[in-house]
């Protein structure tokens, strides 16, 4: 694996850690009354962490097969998903 592949693997690992942290926070708040804005913010962060983990995994898989990771396309997909998540 190339240096770039190792960097991507590190980013994927950080995204997974972020996802676990947000899931832990959400689990700790289970059963509590939260306002809509707080719930939306937590949901958005969880979706964002999951999205970037998946996109990073895809990029890593592509680089392992010797193909370009397509960072421009990944960024575009991330923006579309984030827009849809914000729209509700």
Protein backbone atom coordinates (compact mmCIF):
# COMPACT_ATOMS: atom_id res chain seq x y z
CA UNK A 1 0.00 0.00 0.00
CA UNK A 2 1.23 3.48 -0.82
CA UNK A 3 1.79 6.33 1.61
CA UNK A 4 -1.47 7.84 0.41
CA UNK A 5 -3.21 4.55 1.16
CA UNK A 6 -1.87 4.60 4.71
CA UNK A 7 -3.03 8.21 5.11
CA UNK A 8 -6.50 7.26 3.92
CA UNK A 9 -6.56 4.30 6.29
CA UNK A 10 -5.75 6.69 9.14
CA UNK A 11 -8.59 9.00 8.10
CA UNK A 12 -10.98 6.04 7.96
CA UNK A 13 -9.90 5.02 11.45
CA UNK A 14 -10.50 8.55 12.75
CA UNK A 15 -13.95 8.61 11.14
CA UNK A 16 -14.78 5.29 12.82
CA UNK A 17 -13.64 6.69 16.17
CA UNK A 18 -15.80 9.76 15.66
CA UNK A 19 -18.78 7.59 14.78
CA UNK A 20 -18.28 5.50 17.94
CA UNK A 21 -17.96 8.64 20.06
CA UNK A 22 -21.19 10.11 18.69
CA UNK A 23 -22.99 6.77 19.10
CA UNK A 24 -21.78 6.65 22.71
CA UNK A 25 -23.02 10.17 23.33
CA UNK A 26 -26.40 9.38 21.78
CA UNK A 27 -26.64 6.18 23.82
CA UNK A 28 -25.87 8.11 26.99
CA UNK A 29 -28.68 10.53 26.21
CA UNK A 30 -31.25 7.79 25.58
CA UNK A 31 -34.47 8.39 27.44
CA UNK A 32 -33.77 12.09 27.95
CA UNK A 33 -35.91 14.82 26.52
CA UNK A 34 -33.92 16.71 23.87
CA UNK A 35 -35.03 19.66 21.82
CA UNK A 36 -35.37 19.26 18.07
CA UNK A 37 -32.25 21.30 17.31
CA UNK A 38 -30.05 19.13 19.53
CA UNK A 39 -31.45 15.89 18.10
CA UNK A 40 -30.91 17.17 14.57
CA UNK A 41 -27.33 18.21 15.35
CA UNK A 42 -26.52 14.80 16.85
CA UNK A 43 -28.13 13.00 13.92
CA UNK A 44 -26.24 15.16 11.45
CA UNK A 45 -22.90 14.44 13.15
CA UNK A 46 -23.58 10.70 13.18
CA UNK A 47 -24.55 10.69 9.50
CA UNK A 48 -21.51 12.80 8.64
CA UNK A 49 -19.10 10.48 10.50
CA UNK A 50 -20.65 7.40 8.89
CA UNK A 51 -20.59 8.99 5.45
CA UNK A 52 -16.92 9.91 5.55
CA UNK A 53 -16.02 6.48 6.89
CA UNK A 54 -17.82 4.83 3.99
CA UNK A 55 -16.40 7.21 1.41
CA UNK A 56 -12.93 6.70 2.83
CA UNK A 57 -13.34 2.93 2.66
CA UNK A 58 -14.40 3.23 -0.95
CA UNK A 59 -11.39 5.38 -1.79
CA UNK A 60 -9.05 2.97 -0.02
CA UNK A 61 -10.55 0.03 -1.91
CA UNK A 62 -10.12 1.82 -5.21
CA UNK A 63 -6.49 2.65 -4.46
CA UNK A 64 -5.80 -0.99 -3.54
CA UNK A 65 -7.08 -1.99 -6.97
CA UNK A 66 -4.75 0.53 -8.58
CA UNK A 67 -7.48 2.99 -9.54
CA UNK A 68 -7.72 6.67 -8.70
CA UNK A 69 -9.68 7.31 -5.55
CA UNK A 70 -11.77 9.98 -7.22
CA UNK A 71 -11.61 12.54 -4.43
CA UNK A 72 -13.57 15.09 -6.46
CA UNK A 73 -16.43 12.63 -6.97
CA UNK A 74 -16.29 11.61 -3.31
CA UNK A 75 -16.47 15.23 -2.22
CA UNK A 76 -19.46 15.79 -4.48
CA UNK A 77 -21.24 12.72 -3.07
CA UNK A 78 -20.50 13.88 0.46
CA UNK A 79 -21.95 17.31 -0.27
CA UNK A 80 -25.14 15.77 -1.70
CA UNK A 81 -25.64 13.49 1.29
CA UNK A 82 -24.95 16.31 3.73
CA UNK A 83 -27.44 18.54 1.89
CA UNK A 84 -30.10 15.82 2.00
CA UNK A 85 -29.45 15.15 5.70
CA UNK A 86 -29.77 18.85 6.50
CA UNK A 87 -33.02 19.08 4.54
CA UNK A 88 -34.49 16.35 6.72
